[in-house]
C-alpha atoms as a PDB file:
ATOM      1  CA  MET A   1      44.315  69.664  15.940  1.00  0.00           C
ATOM      2  CA  LEU A   2      41.190  68.046  15.816  1.00  0.00           C
ATOM      3  CA  PHE A   3      40.346  65.120  14.153  1.00  0.00           C
ATOM      4  CA  ASN A   4      36.477  63.933  12.946  1.00  0.00           C
ATOM      5  CA  ASP A   5      33.883  65.108  14.598  1.00  0.00           C
ATOM      6  CA  ASN A   6      36.256  67.743  16.318  1.00  0.00           C
ATOM      7  CA  LYS A   7      37.425  65.387  18.549  1.00  0.00           C
ATOM      8  CA  PRO A   8      41.288  65.309  19.820  1.00  0.00           C
ATOM      9  CA  TYR A   9      41.613  61.749  18.748  1.00  0.00           C
ATOM     10  CA  ASN A  10      41.091  59.369  15.885  1.00  0.00           C
ATOM     11  CA  ASP A  11      38.048  58.129  17.525  1.00  0.00           C
ATOM     12  CA  TYR A  12      36.350  54.417  16.369  1.00  0.00           C
ATOM     13  CA  SER A  13      32.946  55.255  15.804  1.00  0.00           C
ATOM     14  CA  SER A  14      33.331  58.138  13.437  1.00  0.00           C
ATOM     15  CA  PHE A  15      36.027  55.984  11.315  1.00  0.00           C
ATOM     16  CA  VAL A  16      32.966  53.060  11.053  1.00  0.00           C
ATOM     17  CA  LYS A  17      30.315  55.952  10.092  1.00  0.00           C
ATOM     18  CA  ARG A  18      33.073  57.398   7.193  1.00  0.00           C
ATOM     19  CA  LYS A  19      33.614  53.765   6.059  1.00  0.00           C
ATOM     20  CA  PHE A  20      29.899  52.524   6.178  1.00  0.00           C
ATOM     21  CA  ASN A  21      27.853  55.647   5.997  1.00  0.00           C
ATOM     22  CA  ASN A  22      26.143  53.917   9.153  1.00  0.00           C
ATOM     23  CA  ARG A  23      26.437  52.996  12.519  1.00  0.00           C
ATOM     24  CA  VAL A  24      27.343  49.397  12.776  1.00  0.00           C
ATOM     25  CA  GLN A  25      26.545  47.240  15.642  1.00  0.00           C
ATOM     26  CA  LYS A  26      28.538  44.289  16.812  1.00  0.00           C
ATOM     27  CA  ILE A  27      27.095  40.922  17.552  1.00  0.00           C
ATOM     28  CA  SER A  28      29.471  38.543  19.787  1.00  0.00           C
ATOM     29  CA  LEU A  29      29.482  35.465  19.522  1.00  0.00           C
ATOM     30  CA  ASN A  30      30.785  32.486  21.506  1.00  0.00           C
ATOM     31  CA  THR A  31      32.243  29.224  19.576  1.00  0.00           C
ATOM     32  CA  GLY A  32      33.220  27.320  22.400  1.00  0.00           C
ATOM     33  CA  PHE A  33      37.153  27.607  21.769  1.00  0.00           C
ATOM     34  CA  THR A  34      39.627  27.439  24.386  1.00  0.00           C
ATOM     35  CA  CYS A  35      43.039  28.922  24.810  1.00  0.00           C
ATOM     36  CA  PRO A  36      46.736  27.099  24.561  1.00  0.00           C
ATOM     37  CA  ASN A  37      47.096  28.542  28.122  1.00  0.00           C
ATOM     38  CA  LYS A  38      44.163  26.620  29.421  1.00  0.00           C
ATOM     39  CA  ASP A  39      43.776  23.519  27.575  1.00  0.00           C
ATOM     40  CA  GLY A  40      47.868  22.790  28.993  1.00  0.00           C
ATOM     41  CA  SER A  41      49.467  22.991  25.151  1.00  0.00           C
ATOM     42  CA  LYS A  42      51.149  26.119  26.805  1.00  0.00           C
ATOM     43  CA  GLY A  43      50.151  26.397  30.331  1.00  0.00           C
ATOM     44  CA  VAL A  44      47.390  26.019  33.050  1.00  0.00           C
ATOM     45  CA  GLY A  45      44.926  28.357  34.494  1.00  0.00           C
ATOM     46  CA  GLY A  46      44.712  30.909  31.775  1.00  0.00           C
ATOM     47  CA  CYS A  47      45.243  34.411  32.302  1.00  0.00           C
ATOM     48  CA  THR A  48      45.227  35.549  35.955  1.00  0.00           C
ATOM     49  CA  TYR A  49      42.671  38.315  35.474  1.00  0.00           C
ATOM     50  CA  CYS A  50      40.150  36.299  32.826  1.00  0.00           C
ATOM     51  CA  ASN A  51      36.645  35.779  33.622  1.00  0.00           C
ATOM     52  CA  ILE A  52      34.714  35.101  30.474  1.00  0.00           C
ATOM     53  CA  HIS A  53      31.457  35.692  31.872  1.00  0.00           C
ATOM     54  CA  THR A  54      32.519  39.820  32.614  1.00  0.00           C
ATOM     55  CA  PHE A  55      32.182  40.027  28.755  1.00  0.00           C
ATOM     56  CA  SER A  56      29.514  37.527  27.303  1.00  0.00           C
ATOM     57  CA  PRO A  57      25.918  38.345  26.400  1.00  0.00           C
ATOM     58  CA  ASP A  58      23.272  36.051  27.655  1.00  0.00           C
ATOM     59  CA  TYR A  59      22.817  34.711  24.063  1.00  0.00           C
ATOM     60  CA  CYS A  60      26.279  33.723  23.427  1.00  0.00           C
ATOM     61  CA  LYS A  61      26.444  30.198  24.222  1.00  0.00           C
ATOM     62  CA  PRO A  62      28.278  27.637  22.310  1.00  0.00           C
ATOM     63  CA  SER A  63      25.786  25.193  22.353  1.00  0.00           C
ATOM     64  CA  LYS A  64      23.852  27.732  19.797  1.00  0.00           C
ATOM     65  CA  SER A  65      25.097  27.783  15.885  1.00  0.00           C
ATOM     66  CA  ILE A  66      26.758  31.017  14.521  1.00  0.00           C
ATOM     67  CA  SER A  67      23.449  31.711  12.922  1.00  0.00           C
ATOM     68  CA  GLN A  68      21.105  31.321  15.955  1.00  0.00           C
ATOM     69  CA  GLN A  69      23.676  33.324  18.116  1.00  0.00           C
ATOM     70  CA  LEU A  70      23.535  35.930  15.225  1.00  0.00           C
ATOM     71  CA  GLU A  71      19.686  35.856  15.087  1.00  0.00           C
ATOM     72  CA  GLU A  72      19.125  36.364  18.775  1.00  0.00           C
ATOM     73  CA  GLY A  73      21.816  39.308  18.917  1.00  0.00           C
ATOM     74  CA  ILE A  74      20.276  41.074  16.322  1.00  0.00           C
ATOM     75  CA  LEU A  75      17.132  40.985  17.724  1.00  0.00           C
ATOM     76  CA  PHE A  76      18.193  41.873  21.196  1.00  0.00           C
ATOM     77  CA  PHE A  77      19.936  44.811  19.676  1.00  0.00           C
ATOM     78  CA  SER A  78      17.305  45.948  17.336  1.00  0.00           C
ATOM     79  CA  HIS A  79      15.310  47.031  20.325  1.00  0.00           C
ATOM     80  CA  LYS A  80      17.914  49.435  21.299  1.00  0.00           C
ATOM     81  CA  TYR A  81      19.218  50.574  18.244  1.00  0.00           C
ATOM     82  CA  LYS A  82      17.935  51.599  14.650  1.00  0.00           C
ATOM     83  CA  THR A  83      20.723  49.865  12.974  1.00  0.00           C
ATOM     84  CA  GLN A  84      20.930  47.488   9.876  1.00  0.00           C
ATOM     85  CA  GLN A  85      24.245  46.440   9.707  1.00  0.00           C
ATOM     86  CA  TYR A  86      26.424  44.185  11.595  1.00  0.00           C
ATOM     87  CA  PHE A  87      29.595  42.916  12.233  1.00  0.00           C
ATOM     88  CA  ALA A  88      29.746  39.205  13.853  1.00  0.00           C
ATOM     89  CA  TYR A  89      32.170  39.478  16.807  1.00  0.00           C
ATOM     90  CA  PHE A  90      33.867  36.596  17.281  1.00  0.00           C
ATOM     91  CA  GLN A  91      34.844  37.474  21.104  1.00  0.00           C
ATOM     92  CA  SER A  92      34.983  34.824  23.833  1.00  0.00           C
ATOM     93  CA  TYR A  93      38.479  33.204  24.352  1.00  0.00           C
ATOM     94  CA  THR A  94      40.878  32.324  21.215  1.00  0.00           C
ATOM     95  CA  ASN A  95      38.798  32.534  17.920  1.00  0.00           C
ATOM     96  CA  THR A  96      41.780  31.223  15.664  1.00  0.00           C
ATOM     97  CA  TYR A  97      42.260  28.306  17.719  1.00  0.00           C
ATOM     98  CA  ALA A  98      40.957  25.618  16.053  1.00  0.00           C
ATOM     99  CA  ASP A  99      41.258  23.470  12.694  1.00  0.00           C
ATOM    100  CA  VAL A 100      41.553  25.705   9.898  1.00  0.00           C
ATOM    101  CA  ASN A 101      38.495  24.199   7.970  1.00  0.00           C
ATOM    102  CA  GLU A 102      36.335  24.611  11.241  1.00  0.00           C
ATOM    103  CA  LEU A 103      37.735  28.375  11.417  1.00  0.00           C
ATOM    104  CA  ARG A 104      36.519  28.847   7.692  1.00  0.00           C
ATOM    105  CA  GLU A 105      33.059  26.953   7.845  1.00  0.00           C
ATOM    106  CA  MET A 106      32.458  29.325  10.978  1.00  0.00           C
ATOM    107  CA  TYR A 107      34.032  32.761   9.276  1.00  0.00           C
ATOM    108  CA  ILE A 108      31.880  31.893   6.170  1.00  0.00           C
ATOM    109  CA  GLU A 109      28.613  31.090   8.093  1.00  0.00           C
ATOM    110  CA  ALA A 110      28.552  34.223   9.778  1.00  0.00           C
ATOM    111  CA  ILE A 111      29.110  36.751   6.783  1.00  0.00           C
ATOM    112  CA  ARG A 112      26.357  35.141   5.086  1.00  0.00           C
ATOM    113  CA  TYR A 113      23.957  36.021   7.566  1.00  0.00           C
ATOM    114  CA  PRO A 114      21.299  39.115   6.234  1.00  0.00           C
ATOM    115  CA  ASN A 115      23.236  42.289   6.978  1.00  0.00           C
ATOM    116  CA  VAL A 116      26.631  41.061   8.525  1.00  0.00           C
ATOM    117  CA  ILE A 117      28.840  43.241   6.688  1.00  0.00           C
ATOM    118  CA  GLY A 118      32.284  42.131   8.270  1.00  0.00           C
ATOM    119  CA  LEU A 119      34.116  40.241  10.868  1.00  0.00           C
ATOM    120  CA  VAL A 120      35.748  41.048  14.216  1.00  0.00           C
ATOM    121  CA  ILE A 121      37.964  38.257  15.554  1.00  0.00           C
ATOM    122  CA  GLY A 122      39.161  38.413  18.707  1.00  0.00           C
ATOM    123  CA  THR A 123      42.439  35.849  19.256  1.00  0.00           C
ATOM    124  CA  ARG A 124      46.187  35.907  20.790  1.00  0.00           C
ATOM    125  CA  PRO A 125      49.074  36.490  19.029  1.00  0.00           C
ATOM    126  CA  ASP A 126      50.569  33.110  19.085  1.00  0.00           C
ATOM    127  CA  CYS A 127      47.467  31.714  17.371  1.00  0.00           C
ATOM    128  CA  ILE A 128      47.941  33.063  14.270  1.00  0.00           C
ATOM    129  CA  SER A 129      49.090  31.205  11.015  1.00  0.00           C
ATOM    130  CA  PRO A 130      49.633  32.085   7.287  1.00  0.00           C
ATOM    131  CA  GLU A 131      46.901  29.626   6.847  1.00  0.00           C
ATOM    132  CA  ILE A 132      44.277  31.425   8.930  1.00  0.00           C
ATOM    133  CA  VAL A 133      45.675  34.621   7.630  1.00  0.00           C
ATOM    134  CA  ASN A 134      44.900  33.448   4.189  1.00  0.00           C
ATOM    135  CA  ILE A 135      41.418  32.657   4.782  1.00  0.00           C
ATOM    136  CA  LEU A 136      40.647  35.589   6.371  1.00  0.00           C
ATOM    137  CA  SER A 137      42.610  37.616   3.429  1.00  0.00           C
ATOM    138  CA  GLU A 138      40.276  35.754   1.191  1.00  0.00           C
ATOM    139  CA  ILE A 139      37.097  36.924   2.856  1.00  0.00           C
ATOM    140  CA  ALA A 140      38.306  40.606   3.166  1.00  0.00           C
ATOM    141  CA  LYS A 141      38.083  40.845  -0.619  1.00  0.00           C
ATOM    142  CA  THR A 142      34.220  41.378   0.144  1.00  0.00           C
ATOM    143  CA  HIS A 143      33.609  42.053   3.923  1.00  0.00           C
ATOM    144  CA  PHE A 144      35.564  43.994   6.373  1.00  0.00           C
ATOM    145  CA  VAL A 145      37.277  41.887   8.319  1.00  0.00           C
ATOM    146  CA  SER A 146      39.207  42.747  11.736  1.00  0.00           C
ATOM    147  CA  LEU A 147      41.777  40.790  13.218  1.00  0.00           C
ATOM    148  CA  ASP A 148      42.330  41.909  17.042  1.00  0.00           C
ATOM    149  CA  LEU A 149      45.172  40.627  19.174  1.00  0.00           C
ATOM    150  CA  GLY A 150      45.352  40.133  22.856  1.00  0.00           C
ATOM    151  CA  VAL A 151      49.054  42.347  23.291  1.00  0.00           C
ATOM    152  CA  GLU A 152      47.943  43.447  26.851  1.00  0.00           C
ATOM    153  CA  SER A 153      51.509  44.472  27.644  1.00  0.00           C
ATOM    154  CA  THR A 154      54.865  44.849  25.648  1.00  0.00           C
ATOM    155  CA  LEU A 155      56.592  43.868  28.391  1.00  0.00           C
ATOM    156  CA  ASN A 156      57.566  39.906  28.829  1.00  0.00           C
ATOM    157  CA  ARG A 157      58.043  40.337  32.540  1.00  0.00           C
ATOM    158  CA  THR A 158      54.193  41.332  32.937  1.00  0.00           C
ATOM    159  CA  LEU A 159      53.306  38.840  30.566  1.00  0.00           C
ATOM    160  CA  ASP A 160      54.932  36.367  32.521  1.00  0.00           C
ATOM    161  CA  ILE A 161      53.428  37.621  35.776  1.00  0.00           C
ATOM    162  CA  ILE A 162      49.939  37.504  34.276  1.00  0.00           C
ATOM    163  CA  ASN A 163      50.327  33.796  32.903  1.00  0.00           C
ATOM    164  CA  ARG A 164      49.931  35.308  29.307  1.00  0.00           C
ATOM    165  CA  CYS A 165      52.108  32.432  27.930  1.00  0.00           C
ATOM    166  CA  HIS A 166      53.284  34.411  24.983  1.00  0.00           C
ATOM    167  CA  SER A 167      56.024  37.214  24.497  1.00  0.00           C
ATOM    168  CA  PHE A 168      55.867  40.248  22.617  1.00  0.00           C
ATOM    169  CA  GLU A 169      58.114  39.209  20.208  1.00  0.00           C
ATOM    170  CA  GLU A 170      55.104  36.990  18.941  1.00  0.00           C
ATOM    171  CA  THR A 171      52.719  39.622  18.905  1.00  0.00           C
ATOM    172  CA  GLN A 172      55.425  41.574  16.728  1.00  0.00           C
ATOM    173  CA  ALA A 173      55.588  38.812  14.444  1.00  0.00           C
ATOM    174  CA  ALA A 174      51.896  38.206  14.551  1.00  0.00           C
ATOM    175  CA  TYR A 175      51.294  41.369  13.051  1.00  0.00           C
ATOM    176  CA  ALA A 176      54.011  41.205  10.580  1.00  0.00           C
ATOM    177  CA  MET A 177      52.855  37.835   8.905  1.00  0.00           C
ATOM    178  CA  ALA A 178      48.756  39.701   9.110  1.00  0.00           C
ATOM    179  CA  ALA A 179      50.205  42.918   7.465  1.00  0.00           C
ATOM    180  CA  ASN A 180      49.539  43.823   4.194  1.00  0.00           C
ATOM    181  CA  LYS A 181      46.726  41.188   3.900  1.00  0.00           C
ATOM    182  CA  GLY A 182      43.810  43.204   3.390  1.00  0.00           C
ATOM    183  CA  LEU A 183      42.825  43.091   7.300  1.00  0.00           C
ATOM    184  CA  HIS A 184      42.104  45.845   9.589  1.00  0.00           C
ATOM    185  CA  LEU A 185      44.538  45.185  12.586  1.00  0.00           C
ATOM    186  CA  GLY A 186      43.311  45.801  15.890  1.00  0.00           C
ATOM    187  CA  ALA A 187      45.090  45.612  19.675  1.00  0.00           C
ATOM    188  CA  HIS A 188      44.111  45.149  22.876  1.00  0.00           C
ATOM    189  CA  LEU A 189      46.054  46.811  25.818  1.00  0.00           C
ATOM    190  CA  ILE A 190      45.468  46.529  29.830  1.00  0.00           C
ATOM    191  CA  LEU A 191      46.744  49.600  31.932  1.00  0.00           C
ATOM    192  CA  ASN A 192      47.556  49.150  35.581  1.00  0.00           C
ATOM    193  CA  LEU A 193      48.759  45.089  35.657  1.00  0.00           C
ATOM    194  CA  PRO A 194      51.224  44.238  38.243  1.00  0.00           C
ATOM    195  CA  GLY A 195      54.538  45.820  38.246  1.00  0.00           C
ATOM    196  CA  GLU A 196      53.931  48.743  35.594  1.00  0.00           C
ATOM    197  CA  SER A 197      54.983  51.978  36.404  1.00  0.00           C
ATOM    198  CA  ARG A 198      53.914  55.007  34.760  1.00  0.00           C
ATOM    199  CA  GLU A 199      56.793  55.251  32.444  1.00  0.00           C
ATOM    200  CA  ASP A 200      56.085  51.440  31.718  1.00  0.00           C
ATOM    201  CA  MET A 201      52.643  52.099  30.601  1.00  0.00           C
ATOM    202  CA  LEU A 202      53.366  55.213  28.618  1.00  0.00           C
ATOM    203  CA  ASN A 203      56.048  53.404  26.785  1.00  0.00           C
ATOM    204  CA  HIS A 204      53.303  51.083  25.591  1.00  0.00           C
ATOM    205  CA  ALA A 205      52.294  53.553  23.385  1.00  0.00           C
ATOM    206  CA  ARG A 206      55.815  54.122  22.003  1.00  0.00           C
ATOM    207  CA  GLU A 207      55.767  50.286  21.400  1.00  0.00           C
ATOM    208  CA  LEU A 208      52.087  49.753  20.086  1.00  0.00           C
ATOM    209  CA  SER A 209      52.787  52.865  17.623  1.00  0.00           C
ATOM    210  CA  LYS A 210      55.739  50.901  15.626  1.00  0.00           C
ATOM    211  CA  LEU A 211      53.509  48.213  14.922  1.00  0.00           C
ATOM    212  CA  PRO A 212      51.055  48.046  11.608  1.00  0.00           C
ATOM    213  CA  ILE A 213      48.116  48.249  13.667  1.00  0.00           C
ATOM    214  CA  ASN A 214      44.910  50.277  12.705  1.00  0.00           C
ATOM    215  CA  SER A 215      42.863  50.456  15.956  1.00  0.00           C
ATOM    216  CA  LEU A 216      43.234  50.122  19.589  1.00  0.00           C
ATOM    217  CA  LYS A 217      41.159  49.166  22.849  1.00  0.00           C
ATOM    218  CA  ILE A 218      42.703  50.302  26.113  1.00  0.00           C
ATOM    219  CA  HIS A 219      41.208  50.014  29.561  1.00  0.00           C
ATOM    220  CA  GLN A 220      41.813  49.780  32.988  1.00  0.00           C
ATOM    221  CA  LEU A 221      42.954  46.432  34.821  1.00  0.00           C
ATOM    222  CA  GLN A 222      39.765  45.371  36.681  1.00  0.00           C
ATOM    223  CA  ILE A 223      40.010  42.210  39.093  1.00  0.00           C
ATOM    224  CA  VAL A 224      36.584  40.148  39.146  1.00  0.00           C
ATOM    225  CA  LYS A 225      35.644  37.313  41.018  1.00  0.00           C
ATOM    226  CA  HIS A 226      36.903  33.691  40.341  1.00  0.00           C
ATOM    227  CA  THR A 227      40.085  34.551  38.943  1.00  0.00           C
ATOM    228  CA  ARG A 228      43.443  33.503  39.664  1.00  0.00           C
ATOM    229  CA  MET A 229      44.113  37.175  40.430  1.00  0.00           C
ATOM    230  CA  SER A 230      41.176  37.973  42.545  1.00  0.00           C
ATOM    231  CA  LEU A 231      43.182  35.300  44.802  1.00  0.00           C
ATOM    232  CA  GLN A 232      46.389  37.043  44.394  1.00  0.00           C
ATOM    233  CA  TYR A 233      44.707  39.920  45.609  1.00  0.00           C
ATOM    234  CA  GLU A 234      43.359  38.677  48.696  1.00  0.00           C
ATOM    235  CA  GLN A 235      46.577  37.029  49.548  1.00  0.00           C
ATOM    236  CA  THR A 236      49.044  39.708  48.495  1.00  0.00           C
ATOM    237  CA  PRO A 237      47.523  43.166  47.964  1.00  0.00           C
ATOM    238  CA  GLU A 238      50.820  44.618  47.842  1.00  0.00           C
ATOM    239  CA  MET A 239      51.156  43.343  43.949  1.00  0.00           C
ATOM    240  CA  PHE A 240      48.268  46.308  43.005  1.00  0.00           C
ATOM    241  CA  SER A 241      48.603  49.592  43.106  1.00  0.00           C
ATOM    242  CA  PHE A 242      45.174  51.297  41.801  1.00  0.00           C
ATOM    243  CA  MET A 243      44.359  54.523  40.069  1.00  0.00           C
ATOM    244  CA  ASN A 244      41.339  56.413  40.837  1.00  0.00           C
ATOM    245  CA  VAL A 245      39.513  57.735  37.713  1.00  0.00           C
ATOM    246  CA  ASP A 246      41.123  61.767  37.616  1.00  0.00           C
ATOM    247  CA  GLU A 247      44.756  59.825  37.814  1.00  0.00           C
ATOM    248  CA  TYR A 248      43.732  57.300  35.123  1.00  0.00           C
ATOM    249  CA  ILE A 249      42.088  60.103  32.974  1.00  0.00           C
ATOM    250  CA  ASP A 250      45.649  62.076  33.401  1.00  0.00           C
ATOM    251  CA  LEU A 251      47.275  58.665  32.612  1.00  0.00           C
ATOM    252  CA  VAL A 252      45.284  58.279  29.470  1.00  0.00           C
ATOM    253  CA  THR A 253      45.760  61.938  28.252  1.00  0.00           C
ATOM    254  CA  GLU A 254      49.493  61.651  27.639  1.00  0.00           C
ATOM    255  CA  PHE A 255      49.246  58.102  26.596  1.00  0.00           C
ATOM    256  CA  ILE A 256      47.181  59.308  23.785  1.00  0.00           C
ATOM    257  CA  SER A 257      49.842  62.317  22.987  1.00  0.00           C
ATOM    258  CA  LEU A 258      52.675  59.375  22.244  1.00  0.00           C
ATOM    259  CA  LEU A 259      50.248  57.344  20.004  1.00  0.00           C
ATOM    260  CA  ARG A 260      50.698  57.495  16.119  1.00  0.00           C
ATOM    261  CA  PRO A 261      48.240  59.815  15.147  1.00  0.00           C
ATOM    262  CA  GLU A 262      46.665  57.298  12.329  1.00  0.00           C
ATOM    263  CA  ILE A 263      45.817  54.607  15.030  1.00  0.00           C
ATOM    264  CA  ILE A 264      41.925  54.699  15.752  1.00  0.00           C
ATOM    265  CA  LEU A 265      40.925  54.730  19.482  1.00  0.00           C
ATOM    266  CA  GLU A 266      38.363  52.215  19.906  1.00  0.00           C
ATOM    267  CA  ARG A 267      38.006  52.367  23.781  1.00  0.00           C
ATOM    268  CA  PHE A 268      39.321  53.742  26.991  1.00  0.00           C
ATOM    269  CA  VAL A 269      37.633  51.968  29.652  1.00  0.00           C
ATOM    270  CA  SER A 270      36.144  48.598  30.006  1.00  0.00           C
ATOM    271  CA  GLU A 271      33.139  48.341  32.632  1.00  0.00           C
ATOM    272  CA  SER A 272      32.755  44.741  34.516  1.00  0.00           C
ATOM    273  CA  PRO A 273      29.312  43.742  35.982  1.00  0.00           C
ATOM    274  CA  LYS A 274      28.830  45.319  39.255  1.00  0.00           C
ATOM    275  CA  LYS A 275      28.291  41.481  40.687  1.00  0.00           C
ATOM    276  CA  LEU A 276      31.684  40.697  39.793  1.00  0.00           C
ATOM    277  CA  LEU A 277      33.660  43.444  40.178  1.00  0.00           C
ATOM    278  CA  ILE A 278      36.306  43.234  43.083  1.00  0.00           C
ATOM    279  CA  ALA A 279      38.522  46.571  42.367  1.00  0.00           C
ATOM    280  CA  PRO A 280      39.015  49.267  41.430  1.00  0.00           C
ATOM    281  CA  ASN A 281      35.768  50.608  42.658  1.00  0.00           C
ATOM    282  CA  TRP A 282      35.054  54.040  40.289  1.00  0.00           C
ATOM    283  CA  GLY A 283      31.491  54.295  41.538  1.00  0.00           C
ATOM    284  CA  GLY A 284      29.851  52.989  38.892  1.00  0.00           C
ATOM    285  CA  ILE A 285      30.905  55.660  36.262  1.00  0.00           C
ATOM    286  CA  LYS A 286      29.939  54.921  32.420  1.00  0.00           C
ATOM    287  CA  ASN A 287      32.374  53.922  29.893  1.00  0.00           C
ATOM    288  CA  PHE A 288      30.983  56.894  28.334  1.00  0.00           C
ATOM    289  CA  GLU A 289      31.303  59.593  30.911  1.00  0.00           C
ATOM    290  CA  ILE A 290      34.940  58.359  30.811  1.00  0.00           C
ATOM    291  CA  ALA A 291      35.573  59.139  27.525  1.00  0.00           C
ATOM    292  CA  ASP A 292      34.210  62.638  27.780  1.00  0.00           C
ATOM    293  CA  LYS A 293      36.141  63.196  30.669  1.00  0.00           C
ATOM    294  CA  ILE A 294      39.089  62.287  29.132  1.00  0.00           C
ATOM    295  CA  GLU A 295      37.939  64.396  25.691  1.00  0.00           C
ATOM    296  CA  LYS A 296      37.903  67.658  27.770  1.00  0.00           C
ATOM    297  CA  ARG A 297      40.966  66.809  29.774  1.00  0.00           C
ATOM    298  CA  LEU A 298      42.464  66.341  26.137  1.00  0.00           C
ATOM    299  CA  LEU A 299      40.984  70.165  25.078  1.00  0.00           C
ATOM    300  CA  GLU A 300      41.736  71.763  28.396  1.00  0.00           C
ATOM    301  CA  GLN A 301      45.400  70.976  28.401  1.00  0.00           C
ATOM    302  CA  ASP A 302      45.612  71.805  24.553  1.00  0.00           C
ATOM    303  CA  ILE A 303      46.552  67.947  23.618  1.00  0.00           C
ATOM    304  CA  TRP A 304      45.620  65.433  20.775  1.00  0.00           C
ATOM    305  CA  GLN A 305      46.972  62.217  19.511  1.00  0.00           C
ATOM    306  CA  GLY A 306      50.470  61.999  18.470  1.00  0.00           C
ATOM    307  CA  LYS A 307      51.255  65.827  19.536  1.00  0.00           C
ATOM    308  CA  ASN A 308      54.229  64.132  21.461  1.00  0.00           C
ATOM    309  CA  TYR A 309      54.689  61.103  19.015  1.00  0.00           C
ATOM    310  CA  SER A 310      57.959  60.571  17.742  1.00  0.00           C
ATOM    311  CA  GLU A 311      58.804  57.816  14.865  1.00  0.00           C
END
């Protein structure tokens, strides 16, 4: 079975092209918000793997206004891609973790910027409220709005190990709250977290398929400098068991076969800056190369998204 663009999975770029008749570039934004497991309201120190500098572009500075960050981001990408449409991507930290009036002002400022056709808002499952959902639902009447929740794992024991400070039950409740409100619901998952077996990771596909999500980003665990996990790796390396590229591709191939076919797959891997990355060392292989290898493996083995999915 083949999906759009003759791919054996439901890919994100095809979804965007179908919906908007063009490529749409995400422009990352940094609001300067913190997280409830950093400021002491639920925990301190943050998630053990987190170093914001692994994914924040240089133009993302909370000292700059939303409009200034959008201006600089669009200028940056205009040299790389010929696109005139953008998503304002509230990426860094927890982008619903503030007063609702402040949130509304920031979101409205973003969608009023020229050629911004939608919002992508990254946040935590425990930082969603009916008031926030209502704000986003109003915006979704005129603009695309994707609410992306950091699920990370469906196992509470893993969430405890990585100091996530929320449970999978809170994840389920957040999606239930946001479902059927006109929002595109995204999820983020990390594979190969400490203590998880292959079957544990494959079961994530089964559990995620039960949620009302529209899209999914997955990537491998990466240990980067200046994190609590980097200290754990130094002091107790037996906590971790990394896969090589081929093993990871095998895992993701089987994972995809178990996933509900309607879920749009946005990403398979992440690529941290070389100067920050400690492990695993995959020799600098690029994201698109991994995606190509996964697609090839799926086709070779006559596997497609949802082949082994059961409701």
